Every structure is written in structure tokens, then in C-alpha cells.
N, C-alpha and C. Protein backbone atom coordinates (compact mmCIF):
# COMPACT_ATOMS: atom_id res chain seq x y z
N UNK A 1 -45.17 86.20 22.85
CA UNK A 1 -44.32 85.12 22.35
C UNK A 1 -43.66 84.39 23.52
N UNK A 2 -43.40 83.12 23.29
CA UNK A 2 -42.71 82.33 24.32
C UNK A 2 -41.24 82.70 24.34
N UNK A 3 -40.71 82.87 25.55
CA UNK A 3 -39.28 83.14 25.69
C UNK A 3 -38.50 81.84 25.45
N UNK A 4 -37.23 81.97 25.23
CA UNK A 4 -36.39 80.78 25.04
C UNK A 4 -36.40 79.91 26.30
N UNK A 5 -36.42 80.54 27.47
CA UNK A 5 -36.48 79.78 28.72
C UNK A 5 -37.81 79.02 28.82
N UNK A 6 -38.91 79.67 28.44
CA UNK A 6 -40.21 79.00 28.44
C UNK A 6 -40.19 77.81 27.49
N UNK A 7 -39.62 78.00 26.32
CA UNK A 7 -39.56 76.92 25.33
C UNK A 7 -38.77 75.73 25.87
N UNK A 8 -37.62 76.00 26.51
CA UNK A 8 -36.81 74.91 27.07
C UNK A 8 -37.60 74.15 28.15
N UNK A 9 -38.28 74.88 29.01
CA UNK A 9 -39.07 74.26 30.07
C UNK A 9 -40.18 73.41 29.49
N UNK A 10 -40.87 73.92 28.49
CA UNK A 10 -41.95 73.16 27.86
C UNK A 10 -41.42 71.90 27.21
N UNK A 11 -40.32 72.00 26.49
CA UNK A 11 -39.74 70.83 25.83
C UNK A 11 -39.32 69.79 26.87
N UNK A 12 -38.77 70.22 28.00
CA UNK A 12 -38.40 69.27 29.06
C UNK A 12 -39.63 68.55 29.62
N UNK A 13 -40.72 69.27 29.81
CA UNK A 13 -41.96 68.64 30.28
C UNK A 13 -42.48 67.65 29.25
N UNK A 14 -42.48 68.06 27.99
CA UNK A 14 -42.94 67.18 26.93
C UNK A 14 -42.07 65.93 26.83
N UNK A 15 -40.79 66.11 26.97
CA UNK A 15 -39.86 64.98 26.91
C UNK A 15 -40.14 63.97 28.02
N UNK A 16 -40.40 64.46 29.22
CA UNK A 16 -40.71 63.59 30.34
C UNK A 16 -42.03 62.84 30.11
N UNK A 17 -43.05 63.57 29.69
CA UNK A 17 -44.35 62.94 29.42
C UNK A 17 -44.21 61.90 28.32
N UNK A 18 -43.48 62.23 27.26
CA UNK A 18 -43.30 61.29 26.16
C UNK A 18 -42.53 60.05 26.62
N UNK A 19 -41.52 60.23 27.44
CA UNK A 19 -40.76 59.09 27.98
C UNK A 19 -41.69 58.14 28.74
N UNK A 20 -42.50 58.72 29.62
CA UNK A 20 -43.43 57.90 30.40
C UNK A 20 -44.47 57.23 29.49
N UNK A 21 -44.94 57.96 28.50
CA UNK A 21 -45.89 57.41 27.53
C UNK A 21 -45.28 56.22 26.79
N UNK A 22 -44.04 56.36 26.34
CA UNK A 22 -43.39 55.27 25.61
C UNK A 22 -43.21 54.03 26.49
N UNK A 23 -42.98 54.23 27.76
CA UNK A 23 -42.77 53.10 28.69
C UNK A 23 -44.07 52.50 29.21
N UNK A 24 -45.10 53.34 29.40
CA UNK A 24 -46.30 52.88 30.12
C UNK A 24 -47.60 53.00 29.33
N UNK A 25 -47.55 53.58 28.14
CA UNK A 25 -48.72 53.60 27.28
C UNK A 25 -49.68 54.76 27.45
N UNK A 26 -50.82 54.63 26.79
CA UNK A 26 -51.83 55.67 26.68
C UNK A 26 -52.35 56.16 28.03
N UNK A 27 -52.36 55.31 29.03
CA UNK A 27 -52.88 55.71 30.35
C UNK A 27 -52.13 56.93 30.89
N UNK A 28 -50.86 57.05 30.57
CA UNK A 28 -50.08 58.21 31.01
C UNK A 28 -50.65 59.48 30.40
N UNK A 29 -50.90 59.46 29.09
CA UNK A 29 -51.44 60.64 28.42
C UNK A 29 -52.84 60.96 28.93
N UNK A 30 -53.64 59.92 29.18
CA UNK A 30 -54.98 60.13 29.72
C UNK A 30 -54.90 60.81 31.09
N UNK A 31 -53.99 60.34 31.93
CA UNK A 31 -53.83 60.93 33.26
C UNK A 31 -53.34 62.37 33.18
N UNK A 32 -52.36 62.63 32.34
CA UNK A 32 -51.86 64.00 32.19
C UNK A 32 -52.98 64.92 31.70
N UNK A 33 -53.73 64.47 30.71
CA UNK A 33 -54.84 65.26 30.19
C UNK A 33 -55.89 65.54 31.25
N UNK A 34 -56.23 64.54 32.03
CA UNK A 34 -57.21 64.71 33.11
C UNK A 34 -56.71 65.68 34.17
N UNK A 35 -55.46 65.53 34.56
CA UNK A 35 -54.86 66.43 35.56
C UNK A 35 -54.79 67.86 35.03
N UNK A 36 -54.40 68.00 33.80
CA UNK A 36 -54.27 69.34 33.20
C UNK A 36 -55.64 70.00 33.06
N UNK A 37 -56.65 69.23 32.70
CA UNK A 37 -58.00 69.79 32.60
C UNK A 37 -58.48 70.26 33.97
N UNK A 38 -58.23 69.47 34.99
CA UNK A 38 -58.61 69.86 36.35
C UNK A 38 -57.86 71.09 36.83
N UNK A 39 -56.58 71.16 36.50
CA UNK A 39 -55.78 72.32 36.89
C UNK A 39 -56.27 73.58 36.19
N UNK A 40 -56.57 73.47 34.91
CA UNK A 40 -57.09 74.62 34.17
C UNK A 40 -58.46 75.05 34.69
N UNK A 41 -59.29 74.08 35.03
CA UNK A 41 -60.60 74.41 35.58
C UNK A 41 -60.44 75.27 36.84
N UNK A 42 -59.58 74.84 37.75
CA UNK A 42 -59.37 75.59 39.00
C UNK A 42 -58.83 76.99 38.74
N UNK A 43 -57.92 77.12 37.81
CA UNK A 43 -57.35 78.43 37.48
C UNK A 43 -58.43 79.34 36.90
N UNK A 44 -59.25 78.80 35.98
CA UNK A 44 -60.22 79.64 35.28
C UNK A 44 -61.46 79.96 36.11
N UNK A 45 -61.72 79.19 37.16
CA UNK A 45 -62.77 79.58 38.11
C UNK A 45 -62.39 80.93 38.72
N UNK A 46 -61.11 81.11 38.98
CA UNK A 46 -60.62 82.37 39.58
C UNK A 46 -60.51 83.50 38.56
N UNK A 47 -60.31 83.18 37.30
CA UNK A 47 -60.13 84.20 36.27
C UNK A 47 -61.45 84.83 35.84
N UNK A 48 -62.51 84.05 35.82
CA UNK A 48 -63.78 84.57 35.30
C UNK A 48 -64.23 85.81 36.05
N UNK A 49 -64.94 86.64 35.33
CA UNK A 49 -65.47 87.87 35.93
C UNK A 49 -67.00 87.77 35.91
N UNK A 50 -67.68 88.86 36.16
CA UNK A 50 -69.14 88.86 36.13
C UNK A 50 -69.70 88.46 34.78
N UNK A 51 -69.06 88.90 33.72
CA UNK A 51 -69.49 88.56 32.37
C UNK A 51 -68.68 87.35 31.92
N UNK A 52 -69.38 86.27 31.59
CA UNK A 52 -68.63 85.07 31.22
C UNK A 52 -69.31 84.28 30.10
N UNK A 53 -69.73 85.00 29.07
CA UNK A 53 -70.26 84.36 27.87
C UNK A 53 -69.14 84.03 26.89
N UNK A 54 -69.49 83.50 25.73
CA UNK A 54 -68.48 83.14 24.73
C UNK A 54 -67.58 84.31 24.33
N UNK A 55 -68.16 85.50 24.15
CA UNK A 55 -67.35 86.65 23.75
C UNK A 55 -66.38 87.06 24.85
N UNK A 56 -66.80 86.89 26.11
CA UNK A 56 -65.91 87.21 27.23
C UNK A 56 -64.72 86.25 27.27
N UNK A 57 -64.98 84.98 27.03
CA UNK A 57 -63.89 84.01 26.96
C UNK A 57 -62.98 84.34 25.78
N UNK A 58 -63.56 84.71 24.66
CA UNK A 58 -62.78 85.12 23.49
C UNK A 58 -61.84 86.28 23.86
N UNK A 59 -62.37 87.26 24.57
CA UNK A 59 -61.54 88.41 24.94
C UNK A 59 -60.41 88.04 25.88
N UNK A 60 -60.72 87.27 26.91
CA UNK A 60 -59.70 86.96 27.92
C UNK A 60 -58.71 85.92 27.43
N UNK A 61 -59.21 84.80 26.92
CA UNK A 61 -58.34 83.69 26.53
C UNK A 61 -57.63 83.95 25.21
N UNK A 62 -58.36 84.37 24.21
CA UNK A 62 -57.79 84.47 22.89
C UNK A 62 -57.18 85.84 22.61
N UNK A 63 -57.95 86.89 22.77
CA UNK A 63 -57.43 88.22 22.41
C UNK A 63 -56.34 88.69 23.34
N UNK A 64 -56.52 88.48 24.65
CA UNK A 64 -55.49 88.92 25.60
C UNK A 64 -54.32 87.94 25.64
N UNK A 65 -54.58 86.71 26.06
CA UNK A 65 -53.50 85.74 26.24
C UNK A 65 -52.98 85.17 24.93
N UNK A 66 -53.90 84.73 24.07
CA UNK A 66 -53.48 84.12 22.80
C UNK A 66 -52.73 85.07 21.90
N UNK A 67 -53.16 86.32 21.88
CA UNK A 67 -52.47 87.31 21.07
C UNK A 67 -51.04 87.54 21.54
N UNK A 68 -50.86 87.56 22.86
CA UNK A 68 -49.51 87.72 23.43
C UNK A 68 -48.62 86.54 23.12
N UNK A 69 -49.22 85.34 22.99
CA UNK A 69 -48.45 84.12 22.76
C UNK A 69 -48.11 83.91 21.29
N UNK A 70 -48.74 84.67 20.41
CA UNK A 70 -48.47 84.50 18.98
C UNK A 70 -49.44 83.58 18.27
N UNK A 71 -50.59 83.34 18.87
CA UNK A 71 -51.60 82.53 18.20
C UNK A 71 -52.29 83.37 17.12
N UNK A 72 -52.75 82.70 16.07
CA UNK A 72 -53.47 83.38 14.99
C UNK A 72 -54.76 82.63 14.75
N UNK A 73 -55.86 83.37 14.58
CA UNK A 73 -57.16 82.76 14.38
C UNK A 73 -58.11 83.73 13.69
N UNK A 74 -59.19 83.15 13.17
CA UNK A 74 -60.32 83.93 12.69
C UNK A 74 -61.52 83.49 13.51
N UNK A 75 -62.54 84.34 13.52
CA UNK A 75 -63.72 84.04 14.33
C UNK A 75 -64.98 84.41 13.57
N UNK A 76 -66.07 83.69 13.88
CA UNK A 76 -67.37 83.99 13.29
C UNK A 76 -68.45 83.39 14.17
N UNK A 77 -69.65 83.93 14.06
CA UNK A 77 -70.85 83.38 14.71
C UNK A 77 -71.62 82.61 13.66
N UNK A 78 -72.15 81.45 14.02
CA UNK A 78 -72.98 80.73 13.06
C UNK A 78 -74.46 80.83 13.44
N UNK A 79 -75.31 80.29 12.58
CA UNK A 79 -76.75 80.41 12.77
C UNK A 79 -77.26 79.65 14.00
N UNK A 80 -76.49 78.70 14.51
CA UNK A 80 -76.89 77.94 15.70
C UNK A 80 -76.41 78.59 17.00
N UNK A 81 -75.79 79.76 16.89
CA UNK A 81 -75.34 80.48 18.07
C UNK A 81 -73.94 80.15 18.54
N UNK A 82 -73.22 79.34 17.80
CA UNK A 82 -71.84 79.00 18.16
C UNK A 82 -70.90 80.13 17.76
N UNK A 83 -69.98 80.47 18.64
CA UNK A 83 -68.85 81.34 18.31
C UNK A 83 -67.75 80.39 17.86
N UNK A 84 -67.39 80.46 16.60
CA UNK A 84 -66.43 79.51 16.03
C UNK A 84 -65.10 80.20 15.75
N UNK A 85 -64.05 79.57 16.24
CA UNK A 85 -62.69 80.06 16.01
C UNK A 85 -61.94 79.03 15.18
N UNK A 86 -61.19 79.55 14.25
CA UNK A 86 -60.32 78.70 13.42
C UNK A 86 -58.90 79.15 13.69
N UNK A 87 -58.24 78.43 14.59
CA UNK A 87 -56.87 78.77 14.98
C UNK A 87 -55.89 78.11 14.01
N UNK A 88 -55.06 78.92 13.37
CA UNK A 88 -54.13 78.41 12.37
C UNK A 88 -52.67 78.50 12.79
N UNK A 89 -52.43 79.06 13.96
CA UNK A 89 -51.05 79.13 14.46
C UNK A 89 -51.06 79.06 15.98
N UNK A 90 -50.30 78.11 16.53
CA UNK A 90 -50.21 77.90 17.97
C UNK A 90 -48.77 77.57 18.32
N UNK A 91 -48.13 78.37 19.16
CA UNK A 91 -46.73 78.11 19.49
C UNK A 91 -46.53 76.80 20.25
N UNK A 92 -47.54 76.35 20.99
CA UNK A 92 -47.42 75.08 21.72
C UNK A 92 -47.42 73.90 20.75
N UNK A 93 -48.31 73.94 19.76
CA UNK A 93 -48.34 72.88 18.74
C UNK A 93 -47.05 72.90 17.92
N UNK A 94 -46.61 74.09 17.54
CA UNK A 94 -45.37 74.20 16.76
C UNK A 94 -44.20 73.57 17.51
N UNK A 95 -44.08 73.89 18.79
CA UNK A 95 -42.96 73.40 19.61
C UNK A 95 -43.04 71.89 19.81
N UNK A 96 -44.21 71.40 20.19
CA UNK A 96 -44.37 69.96 20.45
C UNK A 96 -44.12 69.14 19.17
N UNK A 97 -44.71 69.59 18.08
CA UNK A 97 -44.56 68.84 16.83
C UNK A 97 -43.11 68.90 16.30
N UNK A 98 -42.45 70.03 16.47
CA UNK A 98 -41.07 70.16 16.01
C UNK A 98 -40.14 69.19 16.73
N UNK A 99 -40.49 68.82 17.96
CA UNK A 99 -39.66 67.90 18.75
C UNK A 99 -40.20 66.47 18.75
N UNK A 100 -41.27 66.22 17.99
CA UNK A 100 -41.82 64.87 17.91
C UNK A 100 -42.67 64.47 19.09
N UNK A 101 -43.22 65.46 19.80
CA UNK A 101 -43.99 65.17 21.01
C UNK A 101 -45.46 65.59 20.89
N UNK A 102 -46.06 65.36 19.75
CA UNK A 102 -47.44 65.79 19.53
C UNK A 102 -48.42 65.13 20.51
N UNK A 103 -48.26 63.85 20.77
CA UNK A 103 -49.18 63.16 21.68
C UNK A 103 -49.06 63.74 23.09
N UNK A 104 -47.84 63.96 23.54
CA UNK A 104 -47.62 64.57 24.86
C UNK A 104 -48.13 66.00 24.87
N UNK A 105 -47.95 66.71 23.77
CA UNK A 105 -48.41 68.09 23.67
C UNK A 105 -49.92 68.19 23.76
N UNK A 106 -50.60 67.24 23.14
CA UNK A 106 -52.06 67.24 23.22
C UNK A 106 -52.50 67.07 24.68
N UNK A 107 -51.89 66.13 25.38
CA UNK A 107 -52.24 65.89 26.78
C UNK A 107 -51.93 67.10 27.66
N UNK A 108 -50.81 67.74 27.42
CA UNK A 108 -50.37 68.85 28.27
C UNK A 108 -51.08 70.16 27.97
N UNK A 109 -51.43 70.40 26.71
CA UNK A 109 -52.02 71.68 26.34
C UNK A 109 -53.47 71.57 25.87
N UNK A 110 -53.74 70.76 24.89
CA UNK A 110 -55.08 70.71 24.29
C UNK A 110 -56.13 70.14 25.24
N UNK A 111 -55.77 69.12 26.01
CA UNK A 111 -56.74 68.50 26.91
C UNK A 111 -57.23 69.48 27.97
N UNK A 112 -56.46 70.49 28.28
CA UNK A 112 -56.85 71.47 29.27
C UNK A 112 -57.93 72.42 28.81
N UNK A 113 -58.21 72.46 27.51
CA UNK A 113 -59.22 73.39 26.99
C UNK A 113 -60.60 73.16 27.60
N UNK A 114 -60.95 71.91 27.82
CA UNK A 114 -62.26 71.62 28.42
C UNK A 114 -62.34 72.18 29.83
N UNK A 115 -61.25 72.08 30.59
CA UNK A 115 -61.23 72.64 31.94
C UNK A 115 -61.28 74.15 31.95
N UNK A 116 -60.65 74.77 30.98
CA UNK A 116 -60.70 76.24 30.86
C UNK A 116 -62.15 76.67 30.70
N UNK A 117 -62.86 76.03 29.78
CA UNK A 117 -64.24 76.42 29.49
C UNK A 117 -65.15 76.15 30.68
N UNK A 118 -65.05 74.97 31.29
CA UNK A 118 -65.93 74.65 32.41
C UNK A 118 -65.62 75.51 33.63
N UNK A 119 -64.36 75.89 33.81
CA UNK A 119 -64.01 76.77 34.91
C UNK A 119 -64.50 78.19 34.69
N UNK A 120 -64.40 78.65 33.46
CA UNK A 120 -64.84 80.01 33.13
C UNK A 120 -66.35 80.15 33.27
N UNK A 121 -67.08 79.15 32.77
CA UNK A 121 -68.54 79.17 32.90
C UNK A 121 -69.06 77.76 32.62
N UNK A 122 -69.58 77.07 33.63
CA UNK A 122 -70.07 75.71 33.42
C UNK A 122 -71.27 75.65 32.45
N UNK A 123 -71.86 76.79 32.14
CA UNK A 123 -72.97 76.83 31.20
C UNK A 123 -72.51 77.04 29.75
N UNK A 124 -71.21 77.10 29.54
CA UNK A 124 -70.69 77.19 28.17
C UNK A 124 -70.49 75.79 27.61
N UNK A 125 -70.90 75.61 26.38
CA UNK A 125 -70.60 74.38 25.66
C UNK A 125 -69.30 74.62 24.88
N UNK A 126 -68.52 73.56 24.72
CA UNK A 126 -67.27 73.63 23.98
C UNK A 126 -67.21 72.47 23.01
N UNK A 127 -66.77 72.76 21.80
CA UNK A 127 -66.62 71.74 20.79
C UNK A 127 -65.31 71.97 20.04
N UNK A 128 -64.65 70.87 19.70
CA UNK A 128 -63.44 70.95 18.88
C UNK A 128 -63.24 69.59 18.23
N UNK A 129 -63.08 69.57 16.92
CA UNK A 129 -62.90 68.29 16.24
C UNK A 129 -61.55 68.17 15.53
N UNK A 130 -60.82 69.28 15.39
CA UNK A 130 -59.51 69.22 14.77
C UNK A 130 -58.52 70.03 15.61
N UNK A 131 -57.25 69.63 15.58
CA UNK A 131 -56.21 70.37 16.29
C UNK A 131 -54.94 70.43 15.45
N UNK A 132 -54.24 71.52 15.59
CA UNK A 132 -52.92 71.66 14.98
C UNK A 132 -51.98 70.60 15.57
N UNK A 133 -52.14 70.31 16.86
CA UNK A 133 -51.27 69.34 17.53
C UNK A 133 -51.36 67.98 16.86
N UNK A 134 -52.55 67.63 16.37
CA UNK A 134 -52.76 66.33 15.70
C UNK A 134 -52.37 66.37 14.23
N UNK A 135 -51.91 67.54 13.75
CA UNK A 135 -51.50 67.65 12.36
C UNK A 135 -52.57 68.20 11.43
N UNK A 136 -53.72 68.58 11.99
CA UNK A 136 -54.77 69.19 11.16
C UNK A 136 -54.34 70.61 10.77
N UNK A 137 -55.08 71.20 9.83
CA UNK A 137 -54.71 72.54 9.37
C UNK A 137 -55.17 73.64 10.32
N UNK A 138 -55.98 73.28 11.33
CA UNK A 138 -56.42 74.28 12.31
C UNK A 138 -56.97 73.57 13.54
N UNK A 139 -57.14 74.36 14.60
CA UNK A 139 -57.94 73.95 15.75
C UNK A 139 -59.28 74.64 15.55
N UNK A 140 -60.36 73.88 15.59
CA UNK A 140 -61.67 74.46 15.33
C UNK A 140 -62.49 74.58 16.62
N UNK A 141 -62.10 75.51 17.45
CA UNK A 141 -62.80 75.74 18.72
C UNK A 141 -64.17 76.36 18.46
N UNK A 142 -65.16 75.93 19.24
CA UNK A 142 -66.50 76.51 19.15
C UNK A 142 -67.08 76.59 20.55
N UNK A 143 -67.74 77.72 20.83
CA UNK A 143 -68.31 77.99 22.16
C UNK A 143 -69.71 78.55 22.01
N UNK A 144 -70.59 78.17 22.92
CA UNK A 144 -71.91 78.81 23.02
C UNK A 144 -72.48 78.52 24.40
N UNK A 145 -73.43 79.35 24.81
CA UNK A 145 -74.14 79.09 26.04
C UNK A 145 -75.09 77.92 25.83
N UNK A 146 -75.21 77.07 26.82
CA UNK A 146 -76.12 75.92 26.72
C UNK A 146 -77.53 76.41 26.35
N UNK A 147 -78.14 75.66 25.46
CA UNK A 147 -79.47 76.01 25.01
C UNK A 147 -79.48 77.19 24.05
N UNK A 148 -78.27 77.64 23.69
CA UNK A 148 -78.10 78.85 22.92
C UNK A 148 -78.44 78.82 21.50
């Protein structure tokens, strides 16, 4: 779970990003998202281990980190080889939306997902069409090895 200090820090970052977004427009969110994706890529290049398939990412990112943060999800494999997660609870989305900073929250948190996946394994495909941050009922993350 996020500590109260973590929550305050996150809200301050979101507030700053939202302020800049309100003054300067979508380009700010695009830049934050791009920077965050690059930062996550660099971090996850270092995190990956010898095994770096979809299940390995599930274990490290979701079961280890996500479970500690209070995220809730279900998972399944489909016939096309995708590992599909349906995330129904995210403390980052809850916090950003509660303060009216969903657009900033997407740039700061959700946009980094692509960098996480490419850093962990550039041969992993990633798909997501809905997010809690955008007000959908879930984040629908999907992962598979290319050609999988």
C-alpha cells in the first residue's frame, strides 16, 4: 500500500503536471508520457532476469510489486497466446482521479507501461485498450512473445 507520504508526493507531482497541462496543453502530457516511458524502460532493463517471458513479467511486476501496492486483477491465457490481465483496482488511478488529475495520472503512470515491457523484454508485445485512469471499469493489459 502507498504510505501517506507517498500519496502526498504523488499528488504534488500530479498537481504540477496538471498545472503545466492547463497552461500549455497536450504537448506537456505527451512529453511527460514519453519521458516516463523512457525512464521505465531504463529501470526495467536492469530488473529483468534470465527468464523474461509474459509469466515472468506477471510475477515481477504484478504479483510482487502490484500486490504490495494494493492492485487487484484477474489473469487468463487466450487462444492466441496472449496473457490477459483485467486490473480492477489501482491505487495510482484512485489517487489521480480523486484529485481530478486523471490526464496527468495517465501521463505519469500509464504511459510508462510501454517502457516497462520493452525494457523487460523487447520481444514482448503489449496491448491495452482500457484504463481505470480514463474511467473505464478496468485496465486490460495483455502480453505475449512476438510471433507467439
